Amino acid sequence: MIRPESLPDSYFHDMYAADDDPWGFADRWYERRKYALTLAALTRPRYPRVFEPGCSIGVLSAALAERADHLLCTDVSPRAVELAAGRLAVFGDRVHLAVGDVLADWPEGRFDLIVLSEVLYYLAPADLDTVIDRLPGSLTPSGEIIAVHWRHEVPEYPQTGDAVHDRLLTSDLQHVGGYVDDDLRLDVLVRELEQSVAERENLVG
């Protein structure tokens, strides 16, 4: 059953108060495999501007920073951002971290890549729609979205991963690829299909 309210910030504050890595991002096999699939799904070797909301302790962020000229990472938990800052310090001013909520603190400007890794199913349907409606205007013409979520139901989460991805596929974004198995679902979406194809062809040529 879909719950009507997004998870409150206090949920995440409590999780990080109890454990610096409450979801096992640094050591679980599921997480390592998810990161590998996410990185493999990227269509370009490098991106000028990347945004990763819900970065947690920065494990995926470190891999994204290797592919970005500039990476903006946010998380609602100050403790998570503190831990991520230590992990990402090696990248210097190419990486910017901030405490921010995916709803209230969406950044201005446009990005060449937005990575939505296990962050959207914390949102109630109306809040999810708000975020999805922002996505096309937050992308450069050849920009892309990578969305990946756990498929198993978690009782306290407002939505399932499948519900989130089904909604993404009804948006104004264009779907260009994806992957699904028993544990996770990944989709790649772009703002303008023809522009993105031409961009990739130029890179290959």
N, C-alpha and C. Protein backbone atom coordinates (compact mmCIF):
# COMPACT_ATOMS: atom_id res chain seq x y z
N MET A 1 0.84 -1.19 0.00
CA MET A 1 0.00 0.00 0.00
C MET A 1 0.88 1.25 0.00
N ILE A 2 0.56 2.24 -0.84
CA ILE A 2 1.32 3.47 -0.90
C ILE A 2 0.93 4.37 0.26
N ARG A 3 1.92 4.81 1.02
CA ARG A 3 1.67 5.71 2.14
C ARG A 3 1.56 7.15 1.63
N PRO A 4 0.75 7.98 2.31
CA PRO A 4 0.46 9.31 1.76
C PRO A 4 1.53 10.36 2.00
N GLU A 5 2.46 10.14 2.92
CA GLU A 5 3.42 11.18 3.30
C GLU A 5 4.85 10.76 2.97
N SER A 6 5.66 11.75 2.56
CA SER A 6 7.09 11.50 2.38
C SER A 6 7.73 11.25 3.75
N LEU A 7 8.83 10.50 3.75
CA LEU A 7 9.54 10.27 5.00
C LEU A 7 10.08 11.61 5.54
N PRO A 8 9.93 11.87 6.82
CA PRO A 8 10.43 13.14 7.39
C PRO A 8 11.94 13.12 7.51
N ASP A 9 12.53 14.31 7.60
CA ASP A 9 13.99 14.42 7.77
C ASP A 9 14.45 13.67 9.01
N SER A 10 13.63 13.66 10.03
CA SER A 10 14.02 13.01 11.29
C SER A 10 14.32 11.53 11.10
N TYR A 11 13.67 10.88 10.14
CA TYR A 11 13.94 9.47 9.87
C TYR A 11 15.42 9.28 9.53
N PHE A 12 15.97 10.14 8.68
CA PHE A 12 17.36 10.02 8.26
C PHE A 12 18.31 10.47 9.36
N HIS A 13 17.92 11.49 10.11
CA HIS A 13 18.75 11.92 11.23
C HIS A 13 18.90 10.77 12.24
N ASP A 14 17.82 10.08 12.50
CA ASP A 14 17.85 8.96 13.45
C ASP A 14 18.71 7.81 12.92
N MET A 15 18.62 7.56 11.62
CA MET A 15 19.41 6.47 11.03
C MET A 15 20.90 6.73 11.19
N TYR A 16 21.33 7.96 10.91
CA TYR A 16 22.76 8.26 11.00
C TYR A 16 23.22 8.47 12.44
N ALA A 17 22.30 8.79 13.33
CA ALA A 17 22.66 8.86 14.75
C ALA A 17 23.00 7.48 15.29
N ALA A 18 22.36 6.46 14.73
CA ALA A 18 22.57 5.09 15.19
C ALA A 18 23.75 4.40 14.52
N ASP A 19 24.10 4.83 13.28
CA ASP A 19 25.10 4.12 12.50
C ASP A 19 25.63 5.06 11.42
N ASP A 20 26.94 5.16 11.27
CA ASP A 20 27.52 6.03 10.23
C ASP A 20 27.29 5.49 8.82
N ASP A 21 26.94 4.23 8.69
CA ASP A 21 26.64 3.66 7.38
C ASP A 21 25.41 2.75 7.52
N PRO A 22 24.24 3.35 7.75
CA PRO A 22 23.07 2.55 8.12
C PRO A 22 22.57 1.60 7.03
N TRP A 23 22.88 1.86 5.78
CA TRP A 23 22.45 0.97 4.70
C TRP A 23 23.59 0.10 4.16
N GLY A 24 24.75 0.17 4.74
CA GLY A 24 25.87 -0.65 4.29
C GLY A 24 26.40 -0.27 2.93
N PHE A 25 26.40 1.04 2.63
CA PHE A 25 26.85 1.49 1.31
C PHE A 25 28.30 1.12 1.02
N ALA A 26 29.12 1.08 2.03
CA ALA A 26 30.55 0.87 1.81
C ALA A 26 30.94 -0.59 1.64
N ASP A 27 30.09 -1.54 2.08
CA ASP A 27 30.58 -2.92 2.09
C ASP A 27 29.60 -3.98 1.60
N ARG A 28 28.32 -3.67 1.45
CA ARG A 28 27.37 -4.70 0.99
C ARG A 28 27.60 -5.04 -0.48
N TRP A 29 27.50 -6.32 -0.82
CA TRP A 29 27.65 -6.75 -2.21
C TRP A 29 26.58 -6.11 -3.09
N TYR A 30 25.35 -6.03 -2.61
CA TYR A 30 24.30 -5.37 -3.39
C TYR A 30 24.72 -3.97 -3.79
N GLU A 31 25.30 -3.21 -2.87
CA GLU A 31 25.69 -1.83 -3.15
C GLU A 31 26.82 -1.79 -4.17
N ARG A 32 27.83 -2.63 -4.01
CA ARG A 32 28.94 -2.64 -4.96
C ARG A 32 28.44 -2.98 -6.36
N ARG A 33 27.55 -3.94 -6.43
CA ARG A 33 27.00 -4.34 -7.73
C ARG A 33 26.16 -3.22 -8.33
N LYS A 34 25.35 -2.55 -7.51
CA LYS A 34 24.52 -1.44 -7.97
C LYS A 34 25.39 -0.31 -8.52
N TYR A 35 26.49 0.00 -7.83
CA TYR A 35 27.37 1.06 -8.32
C TYR A 35 27.96 0.69 -9.68
N ALA A 36 28.38 -0.57 -9.82
CA ALA A 36 28.97 -1.00 -11.09
C ALA A 36 27.96 -0.88 -12.22
N LEU A 37 26.72 -1.29 -11.98
CA LEU A 37 25.69 -1.20 -13.00
C LEU A 37 25.37 0.26 -13.33
N THR A 38 25.33 1.10 -12.31
CA THR A 38 25.04 2.52 -12.53
C THR A 38 26.11 3.16 -13.39
N LEU A 39 27.36 2.92 -13.07
CA LEU A 39 28.45 3.50 -13.84
C LEU A 39 28.49 2.95 -15.26
N ALA A 40 28.18 1.68 -15.41
CA ALA A 40 28.18 1.08 -16.75
C ALA A 40 27.08 1.64 -17.62
N ALA A 41 26.00 2.14 -17.01
CA ALA A 41 24.88 2.67 -17.76
C ALA A 41 25.11 4.09 -18.27
N LEU A 42 26.13 4.77 -17.74
CA LEU A 42 26.42 6.12 -18.21
C LEU A 42 26.86 6.07 -19.67
N THR A 43 26.33 6.98 -20.47
CA THR A 43 26.58 6.91 -21.91
C THR A 43 27.82 7.67 -22.36
N ARG A 44 28.42 8.44 -21.46
CA ARG A 44 29.58 9.23 -21.84
C ARG A 44 30.74 8.98 -20.87
N PRO A 45 31.95 9.18 -21.32
CA PRO A 45 33.09 8.98 -20.42
C PRO A 45 33.21 10.08 -19.37
N ARG A 46 32.67 11.29 -19.68
CA ARG A 46 32.84 12.41 -18.75
C ARG A 46 31.68 13.39 -18.92
N TYR A 47 31.35 14.08 -17.81
CA TYR A 47 30.24 15.04 -17.80
C TYR A 47 30.71 16.35 -17.19
N PRO A 48 30.37 17.49 -17.80
CA PRO A 48 30.78 18.77 -17.22
C PRO A 48 30.16 19.04 -15.85
N ARG A 49 28.84 18.86 -15.71
CA ARG A 49 28.18 19.16 -14.44
C ARG A 49 27.28 17.99 -14.04
N VAL A 50 27.47 17.48 -12.83
CA VAL A 50 26.72 16.32 -12.33
C VAL A 50 26.08 16.70 -11.00
N PHE A 51 24.84 16.25 -10.80
CA PHE A 51 24.13 16.46 -9.54
C PHE A 51 23.69 15.12 -8.99
N GLU A 52 24.03 14.88 -7.71
CA GLU A 52 23.62 13.66 -7.02
C GLU A 52 22.92 14.02 -5.71
N PRO A 53 21.61 14.10 -5.71
CA PRO A 53 20.90 14.30 -4.44
C PRO A 53 20.86 13.00 -3.65
N GLY A 54 20.80 13.11 -2.33
CA GLY A 54 20.79 11.91 -1.50
C GLY A 54 22.09 11.14 -1.58
N CYS A 55 23.21 11.86 -1.48
CA CYS A 55 24.51 11.24 -1.70
C CYS A 55 24.96 10.35 -0.55
N SER A 56 24.33 10.46 0.61
CA SER A 56 24.72 9.71 1.80
C SER A 56 26.21 9.95 2.12
N ILE A 57 26.95 8.89 2.36
CA ILE A 57 28.34 9.04 2.81
C ILE A 57 29.32 9.14 1.65
N GLY A 58 28.83 9.22 0.42
CA GLY A 58 29.67 9.56 -0.71
C GLY A 58 30.39 8.43 -1.40
N VAL A 59 29.92 7.20 -1.25
CA VAL A 59 30.60 6.07 -1.90
C VAL A 59 30.42 6.14 -3.41
N LEU A 60 29.18 6.23 -3.88
CA LEU A 60 28.95 6.40 -5.31
C LEU A 60 29.49 7.74 -5.78
N SER A 61 29.40 8.75 -4.94
CA SER A 61 29.88 10.09 -5.31
C SER A 61 31.35 10.05 -5.73
N ALA A 62 32.16 9.28 -5.02
CA ALA A 62 33.58 9.21 -5.35
C ALA A 62 33.80 8.66 -6.76
N ALA A 63 32.99 7.68 -7.15
CA ALA A 63 33.10 7.15 -8.50
C ALA A 63 32.59 8.15 -9.53
N LEU A 64 31.52 8.87 -9.20
CA LEU A 64 31.01 9.89 -10.12
C LEU A 64 32.00 11.03 -10.28
N ALA A 65 32.70 11.38 -9.22
CA ALA A 65 33.67 12.47 -9.29
C ALA A 65 34.78 12.17 -10.29
N GLU A 66 35.07 10.90 -10.50
CA GLU A 66 36.09 10.52 -11.48
C GLU A 66 35.62 10.82 -12.90
N ARG A 67 34.31 10.96 -13.08
CA ARG A 67 33.74 11.16 -14.41
C ARG A 67 33.18 12.57 -14.60
N ALA A 68 33.38 13.48 -13.64
CA ALA A 68 32.75 14.79 -13.66
C ALA A 68 33.77 15.91 -13.56
N ASP A 69 33.54 16.98 -14.32
CA ASP A 69 34.33 18.19 -14.13
C ASP A 69 33.89 18.92 -12.86
N HIS A 70 32.59 18.84 -12.58
CA HIS A 70 32.07 19.43 -11.35
C HIS A 70 30.92 18.57 -10.86
N LEU A 71 30.95 18.19 -9.58
CA LEU A 71 29.93 17.34 -8.99
C LEU A 71 29.32 18.05 -7.78
N LEU A 72 28.01 18.17 -7.78
CA LEU A 72 27.27 18.70 -6.64
C LEU A 72 26.56 17.54 -5.95
N CYS A 73 26.85 17.35 -4.67
CA CYS A 73 26.23 16.29 -3.87
C CYS A 73 25.47 16.91 -2.71
N THR A 74 24.27 16.43 -2.46
CA THR A 74 23.50 16.91 -1.31
C THR A 74 22.92 15.73 -0.55
N ASP A 75 22.66 15.96 0.72
CA ASP A 75 21.95 14.98 1.54
C ASP A 75 21.25 15.73 2.66
N VAL A 76 20.13 15.20 3.09
CA VAL A 76 19.37 15.84 4.15
C VAL A 76 20.04 15.69 5.51
N SER A 77 20.93 14.73 5.65
CA SER A 77 21.60 14.46 6.92
C SER A 77 22.93 15.20 7.01
N PRO A 78 23.10 16.10 7.97
CA PRO A 78 24.40 16.75 8.16
C PRO A 78 25.52 15.74 8.44
N ARG A 79 25.22 14.69 9.19
CA ARG A 79 26.24 13.68 9.49
C ARG A 79 26.68 12.96 8.21
N ALA A 80 25.74 12.64 7.33
CA ALA A 80 26.11 12.00 6.07
C ALA A 80 27.00 12.91 5.23
N VAL A 81 26.66 14.19 5.18
CA VAL A 81 27.45 15.15 4.41
C VAL A 81 28.85 15.28 5.00
N GLU A 82 28.94 15.28 6.32
CA GLU A 82 30.25 15.33 6.98
C GLU A 82 31.11 14.14 6.59
N LEU A 83 30.52 12.95 6.60
CA LEU A 83 31.25 11.74 6.23
C LEU A 83 31.63 11.75 4.76
N ALA A 84 30.71 12.21 3.91
CA ALA A 84 31.00 12.30 2.48
C ALA A 84 32.13 13.28 2.22
N ALA A 85 32.16 14.37 2.95
CA ALA A 85 33.21 15.38 2.76
C ALA A 85 34.59 14.78 2.99
N GLY A 86 34.71 13.95 4.01
CA GLY A 86 36.00 13.30 4.25
C GLY A 86 36.39 12.37 3.12
N ARG A 87 35.42 11.64 2.59
CA ARG A 87 35.69 10.70 1.51
C ARG A 87 36.05 11.42 0.21
N LEU A 88 35.47 12.59 -0.01
CA LEU A 88 35.61 13.29 -1.30
C LEU A 88 36.62 14.41 -1.27
N ALA A 89 37.30 14.62 -0.15
CA ALA A 89 38.24 15.73 -0.04
C ALA A 89 39.34 15.66 -1.09
N VAL A 90 39.69 14.46 -1.51
CA VAL A 90 40.77 14.27 -2.47
C VAL A 90 40.47 14.96 -3.81
N PHE A 91 39.19 15.20 -4.11
CA PHE A 91 38.81 15.81 -5.38
C PHE A 91 38.82 17.33 -5.36
N GLY A 92 39.10 17.92 -4.21
CA GLY A 92 39.22 19.36 -4.11
C GLY A 92 37.94 20.09 -4.48
N ASP A 93 38.09 21.22 -5.17
CA ASP A 93 36.92 22.06 -5.46
C ASP A 93 36.12 21.58 -6.65
N ARG A 94 36.48 20.42 -7.22
CA ARG A 94 35.63 19.83 -8.26
C ARG A 94 34.34 19.29 -7.67
N VAL A 95 34.33 19.00 -6.37
CA VAL A 95 33.15 18.45 -5.70
C VAL A 95 32.65 19.46 -4.67
N HIS A 96 31.36 19.74 -4.72
CA HIS A 96 30.74 20.62 -3.74
C HIS A 96 29.66 19.83 -3.00
N LEU A 97 29.69 19.89 -1.68
CA LEU A 97 28.72 19.18 -0.85
C LEU A 97 27.88 20.19 -0.07
N ALA A 98 26.60 19.84 0.12
CA ALA A 98 25.72 20.71 0.88
C ALA A 98 24.64 19.87 1.54
N VAL A 99 24.19 20.32 2.70
CA VAL A 99 23.01 19.73 3.33
C VAL A 99 21.80 20.27 2.60
N GLY A 100 20.97 19.38 2.09
CA GLY A 100 19.81 19.84 1.33
C GLY A 100 18.79 18.76 1.14
N ASP A 101 17.56 19.17 1.09
CA ASP A 101 16.41 18.29 0.88
C ASP A 101 16.09 18.25 -0.61
N VAL A 102 15.75 17.08 -1.12
CA VAL A 102 15.49 16.94 -2.55
C VAL A 102 14.29 17.76 -3.00
N LEU A 103 13.37 18.07 -2.09
CA LEU A 103 12.22 18.89 -2.43
C LEU A 103 12.49 20.38 -2.25
N ALA A 104 12.97 20.76 -1.08
CA ALA A 104 13.07 22.18 -0.73
C ALA A 104 14.35 22.84 -1.23
N ASP A 105 15.37 22.05 -1.54
CA ASP A 105 16.68 22.62 -1.84
C ASP A 105 17.22 22.19 -3.20
N TRP A 106 16.33 22.04 -4.15
CA TRP A 106 16.76 21.66 -5.50
C TRP A 106 17.60 22.80 -6.09
N PRO A 107 18.76 22.50 -6.67
CA PRO A 107 19.65 23.57 -7.13
C PRO A 107 19.18 24.22 -8.43
N GLU A 108 19.61 25.45 -8.61
CA GLU A 108 19.37 26.15 -9.86
C GLU A 108 20.37 25.69 -10.91
N GLY A 109 20.12 26.05 -12.15
CA GLY A 109 21.03 25.70 -13.23
C GLY A 109 20.69 24.37 -13.86
N ARG A 110 21.49 24.01 -14.84
CA ARG A 110 21.27 22.78 -15.60
C ARG A 110 22.48 21.87 -15.49
N PHE A 111 22.19 20.59 -15.55
CA PHE A 111 23.22 19.57 -15.35
C PHE A 111 23.26 18.64 -16.56
N ASP A 112 24.44 18.09 -16.79
CA ASP A 112 24.62 17.12 -17.87
C ASP A 112 24.27 15.71 -17.42
N LEU A 113 24.24 15.51 -16.10
CA LEU A 113 23.86 14.21 -15.53
C LEU A 113 23.26 14.44 -14.15
N ILE A 114 22.10 13.82 -13.91
CA ILE A 114 21.50 13.79 -12.58
C ILE A 114 21.35 12.32 -12.19
N VAL A 115 21.92 11.97 -11.04
CA VAL A 115 21.90 10.58 -10.57
C VAL A 115 20.92 10.48 -9.40
N LEU A 116 19.88 9.69 -9.59
CA LEU A 116 18.83 9.51 -8.58
C LEU A 116 18.93 8.06 -8.08
N SER A 117 19.83 7.87 -7.14
CA SER A 117 20.12 6.52 -6.66
C SER A 117 19.44 6.29 -5.31
N GLU A 118 18.37 5.53 -5.34
CA GLU A 118 17.63 5.13 -4.14
C GLU A 118 17.24 6.34 -3.27
N VAL A 119 16.66 7.33 -3.92
CA VAL A 119 16.24 8.53 -3.19
C VAL A 119 14.76 8.85 -3.41
N LEU A 120 14.19 8.43 -4.54
CA LEU A 120 12.85 8.87 -4.88
C LEU A 120 11.74 8.09 -4.18
N TYR A 121 12.02 6.86 -3.73
CA TYR A 121 10.92 6.12 -3.09
C TYR A 121 10.69 6.55 -1.65
N TYR A 122 11.46 7.52 -1.18
CA TYR A 122 11.18 8.14 0.12
C TYR A 122 10.09 9.20 0.01
N LEU A 123 9.67 9.50 -1.22
CA LEU A 123 8.71 10.58 -1.46
C LEU A 123 7.31 10.05 -1.68
N ALA A 124 6.32 10.76 -1.14
CA ALA A 124 4.93 10.47 -1.44
C ALA A 124 4.65 10.81 -2.91
N PRO A 125 3.60 10.26 -3.51
CA PRO A 125 3.34 10.48 -4.93
C PRO A 125 3.32 11.95 -5.35
N ALA A 126 2.67 12.82 -4.58
CA ALA A 126 2.60 14.23 -4.96
C ALA A 126 3.99 14.88 -4.94
N ASP A 127 4.81 14.53 -3.95
CA ASP A 127 6.16 15.08 -3.88
C ASP A 127 7.05 14.51 -4.99
N LEU A 128 6.85 13.25 -5.30
CA LEU A 128 7.58 12.65 -6.41
C LEU A 128 7.25 13.38 -7.71
N ASP A 129 6.00 13.69 -7.93
CA ASP A 129 5.61 14.43 -9.13
C ASP A 129 6.31 15.79 -9.19
N THR A 130 6.44 16.45 -8.05
CA THR A 130 7.13 17.75 -8.00
C THR A 130 8.56 17.61 -8.49
N VAL A 131 9.26 16.59 -8.01
CA VAL A 131 10.65 16.38 -8.42
C VAL A 131 10.72 16.02 -9.89
N ILE A 132 9.88 15.12 -10.34
CA ILE A 132 9.93 14.69 -11.74
C ILE A 132 9.63 15.85 -12.68
N ASP A 133 8.71 16.71 -12.29
CA ASP A 133 8.38 17.86 -13.13
C ASP A 133 9.56 18.82 -13.28
N ARG A 134 10.48 18.83 -12.32
CA ARG A 134 11.66 19.70 -12.38
C ARG A 134 12.74 19.16 -13.31
N LEU A 135 12.74 17.86 -13.54
CA LEU A 135 13.88 17.23 -14.18
C LEU A 135 14.17 17.75 -15.59
N PRO A 136 13.20 17.86 -16.49
CA PRO A 136 13.56 18.33 -17.84
C PRO A 136 14.22 19.70 -17.83
N GLY A 137 13.72 20.61 -17.00
CA GLY A 137 14.29 21.95 -16.94
C GLY A 137 15.63 22.02 -16.23
N SER A 138 16.02 20.94 -15.56
CA SER A 138 17.31 20.89 -14.86
C SER A 138 18.39 20.22 -15.68
N LEU A 139 18.06 19.79 -16.90
CA LEU A 139 19.02 19.12 -17.76
C LEU A 139 19.45 20.03 -18.91
N THR A 140 20.71 19.91 -19.31
CA THR A 140 21.15 20.50 -20.56
C THR A 140 20.45 19.76 -21.70
N PRO A 141 20.45 20.32 -22.92
CA PRO A 141 19.76 19.64 -24.02
C PRO A 141 20.19 18.19 -24.22
N SER A 142 21.46 17.88 -23.98
CA SER A 142 21.93 16.50 -24.14
C SER A 142 22.08 15.79 -22.80
N GLY A 143 21.51 16.38 -21.73
CA GLY A 143 21.66 15.81 -20.40
C GLY A 143 20.88 14.53 -20.20
N GLU A 144 21.26 13.76 -19.18
CA GLU A 144 20.59 12.49 -18.92
C GLU A 144 20.37 12.27 -17.43
N ILE A 145 19.40 11.41 -17.17
CA ILE A 145 19.05 10.98 -15.82
C ILE A 145 19.40 9.51 -15.68
N ILE A 146 20.05 9.14 -14.58
CA ILE A 146 20.19 7.74 -14.20
C ILE A 146 19.40 7.55 -12.91
N ALA A 147 18.39 6.69 -12.95
CA ALA A 147 17.60 6.38 -11.76
C ALA A 147 17.75 4.90 -11.45
N VAL A 148 18.03 4.58 -10.18
CA VAL A 148 18.16 3.18 -9.77
C VAL A 148 17.60 3.03 -8.36
N HIS A 149 16.79 1.98 -8.18
CA HIS A 149 16.14 1.77 -6.88
C HIS A 149 15.99 0.28 -6.58
N TRP A 150 16.06 -0.03 -5.30
CA TRP A 150 15.78 -1.35 -4.74
C TRP A 150 14.32 -1.71 -5.02
N ARG A 151 14.08 -2.95 -5.44
CA ARG A 151 12.72 -3.33 -5.85
C ARG A 151 11.89 -3.95 -4.74
N HIS A 152 12.51 -4.35 -3.66
CA HIS A 152 11.76 -5.01 -2.60
C HIS A 152 11.03 -3.97 -1.74
N GLU A 153 9.85 -4.31 -1.31
CA GLU A 153 9.05 -3.37 -0.53
C GLU A 153 9.63 -3.20 0.87
N VAL A 154 9.72 -1.95 1.29
CA VAL A 154 10.13 -1.60 2.66
C VAL A 154 8.92 -0.94 3.31
N PRO A 155 8.39 -1.51 4.40
CA PRO A 155 7.11 -1.04 4.94
C PRO A 155 7.05 0.45 5.22
N GLU A 156 8.14 1.06 5.70
CA GLU A 156 8.07 2.47 6.06
C GLU A 156 8.24 3.42 4.88
N TYR A 157 8.66 2.91 3.71
CA TYR A 157 8.84 3.79 2.56
C TYR A 157 7.49 4.08 1.91
N PRO A 158 7.27 5.31 1.48
CA PRO A 158 5.98 5.67 0.88
C PRO A 158 5.69 4.94 -0.42
N GLN A 159 6.74 4.56 -1.18
CA GLN A 159 6.52 3.92 -2.48
C GLN A 159 7.55 2.82 -2.69
N THR A 160 7.29 1.99 -3.67
CA THR A 160 8.26 0.97 -4.08
C THR A 160 9.13 1.53 -5.21
N GLY A 161 10.26 0.87 -5.43
CA GLY A 161 11.10 1.26 -6.54
C GLY A 161 10.39 1.14 -7.87
N ASP A 162 9.62 0.09 -8.05
CA ASP A 162 8.89 -0.08 -9.31
C ASP A 162 7.89 1.04 -9.53
N ALA A 163 7.19 1.47 -8.48
CA ALA A 163 6.23 2.56 -8.63
C ALA A 163 6.93 3.84 -9.06
N VAL A 164 8.10 4.10 -8.51
CA VAL A 164 8.88 5.28 -8.88
C VAL A 164 9.27 5.22 -10.35
N HIS A 165 9.78 4.09 -10.80
CA HIS A 165 10.24 3.99 -12.18
C HIS A 165 9.08 3.99 -13.16
N ASP A 166 7.97 3.39 -12.79
CA ASP A 166 6.78 3.45 -13.65
C ASP A 166 6.36 4.90 -13.86
N ARG A 167 6.44 5.71 -12.80
CA ARG A 167 6.07 7.12 -12.91
C ARG A 167 7.08 7.88 -13.77
N LEU A 168 8.37 7.59 -13.61
CA LEU A 168 9.37 8.24 -14.45
C LEU A 168 9.12 7.98 -15.93
N LEU A 169 8.68 6.79 -16.25
CA LEU A 169 8.47 6.43 -17.65
C LEU A 169 7.23 7.07 -18.25
N THR A 170 6.40 7.70 -17.42
CA THR A 170 5.25 8.45 -17.95
C THR A 170 5.53 9.95 -18.02
N SER A 171 6.74 10.36 -17.68
CA SER A 171 7.10 11.78 -17.67
C SER A 171 7.43 12.26 -19.08
N ASP A 172 7.82 13.53 -19.18
CA ASP A 172 8.21 14.10 -20.47
C ASP A 172 9.62 13.70 -20.89
N LEU A 173 10.34 13.03 -20.01
CA LEU A 173 11.67 12.55 -20.37
C LEU A 173 11.57 11.37 -21.33
N GLN A 174 12.62 11.18 -22.12
CA GLN A 174 12.66 10.10 -23.10
C GLN A 174 13.49 8.94 -22.54
N HIS A 175 12.94 7.74 -22.60
CA HIS A 175 13.61 6.56 -22.07
C HIS A 175 14.55 5.98 -23.13
N VAL A 176 15.82 5.78 -22.76
CA VAL A 176 16.78 5.28 -23.74
C VAL A 176 17.42 3.95 -23.35
N GLY A 177 17.12 3.46 -22.16
CA GLY A 177 17.69 2.17 -21.77
C GLY A 177 17.42 1.86 -20.32
N GLY A 178 17.67 0.60 -19.96
CA GLY A 178 17.44 0.23 -18.58
C GLY A 178 17.87 -1.19 -18.29
N TYR A 179 17.72 -1.55 -17.04
CA TYR A 179 18.07 -2.89 -16.56
C TYR A 179 17.18 -3.21 -15.37
N VAL A 180 16.79 -4.47 -15.27
CA VAL A 180 15.97 -4.88 -14.13
C VAL A 180 16.31 -6.31 -13.75
N ASP A 181 16.37 -6.58 -12.44
CA ASP A 181 16.49 -7.95 -11.95
C ASP A 181 15.67 -8.06 -10.67
N ASP A 182 15.83 -9.12 -9.92
CA ASP A 182 15.01 -9.32 -8.73
C ASP A 182 15.24 -8.23 -7.68
N ASP A 183 16.43 -7.65 -7.64
CA ASP A 183 16.77 -6.73 -6.57
C ASP A 183 16.66 -5.26 -6.95
N LEU A 184 16.99 -4.91 -8.18
CA LEU A 184 17.02 -3.48 -8.52
C LEU A 184 16.48 -3.22 -9.91
N ARG A 185 16.14 -1.96 -10.11
CA ARG A 185 15.66 -1.48 -11.40
C ARG A 185 16.41 -0.20 -11.73
N LEU A 186 16.91 -0.12 -12.94
CA LEU A 186 17.68 1.03 -13.40
C LEU A 186 17.12 1.52 -14.72
N ASP A 187 16.96 2.83 -14.85
CA ASP A 187 16.50 3.41 -16.10
C ASP A 187 17.33 4.64 -16.45
N VAL A 188 17.58 4.79 -17.74
CA VAL A 188 18.29 5.95 -18.27
C VAL A 188 17.31 6.76 -19.09
N LEU A 189 17.21 8.05 -18.77
CA LEU A 189 16.27 8.93 -19.46
C LEU A 189 16.99 10.20 -19.89
N VAL A 190 16.55 10.78 -20.99
CA VAL A 190 17.16 11.99 -21.51
C VAL A 190 16.08 13.03 -21.76
N ARG A 191 16.54 14.27 -21.89
CA ARG A 191 15.60 15.36 -22.15
C ARG A 191 15.14 15.37 -23.59
N GLU A 192 16.10 15.24 -24.51
CA GLU A 192 15.78 15.30 -25.93
C GLU A 192 16.49 14.14 -26.61
N LEU A 193 15.71 13.20 -27.11
CA LEU A 193 16.27 11.96 -27.64
C LEU A 193 17.20 12.20 -28.82
N GLU A 194 16.76 12.98 -29.82
CA GLU A 194 17.56 13.17 -31.02
C GLU A 194 18.87 13.88 -30.71
N GLN A 195 18.81 14.89 -29.84
CA GLN A 195 20.03 15.61 -29.46
C GLN A 195 21.00 14.69 -28.75
N SER A 196 20.48 13.83 -27.88
CA SER A 196 21.36 12.94 -27.12
C SER A 196 22.02 11.92 -28.02
N VAL A 197 21.28 11.38 -28.98
CA VAL A 197 21.86 10.43 -29.93
C VAL A 197 22.96 11.09 -30.73
N ALA A 198 22.71 12.32 -31.23
CA ALA A 198 23.72 13.04 -32.00
C ALA A 198 24.96 13.31 -31.16
N GLU A 199 24.76 13.66 -29.90
CA GLU A 199 25.88 13.93 -29.01
C GLU A 199 26.75 12.68 -28.86
N ARG A 200 26.13 11.52 -28.66
CA ARG A 200 26.89 10.29 -28.50
C ARG A 200 27.64 9.93 -29.77
N GLU A 201 27.00 10.15 -30.92
CA GLU A 201 27.65 9.84 -32.20
C GLU A 201 28.88 10.73 -32.40
N ASN A 202 28.78 11.99 -32.02
CA ASN A 202 29.92 12.89 -32.13
C ASN A 202 31.07 12.44 -31.24
N LEU A 203 30.73 11.95 -30.03
CA LEU A 203 31.77 11.48 -29.13
C LEU A 203 32.47 10.25 -29.68
N VAL A 204 31.68 9.35 -30.27
CA VAL A 204 32.26 8.14 -30.86
C VAL A 204 33.10 8.48 -32.08
N GLY A 205 32.57 9.41 -32.93
CA GLY A 205 33.27 9.77 -34.15
C GLY A 205 34.54 10.55 -33.85
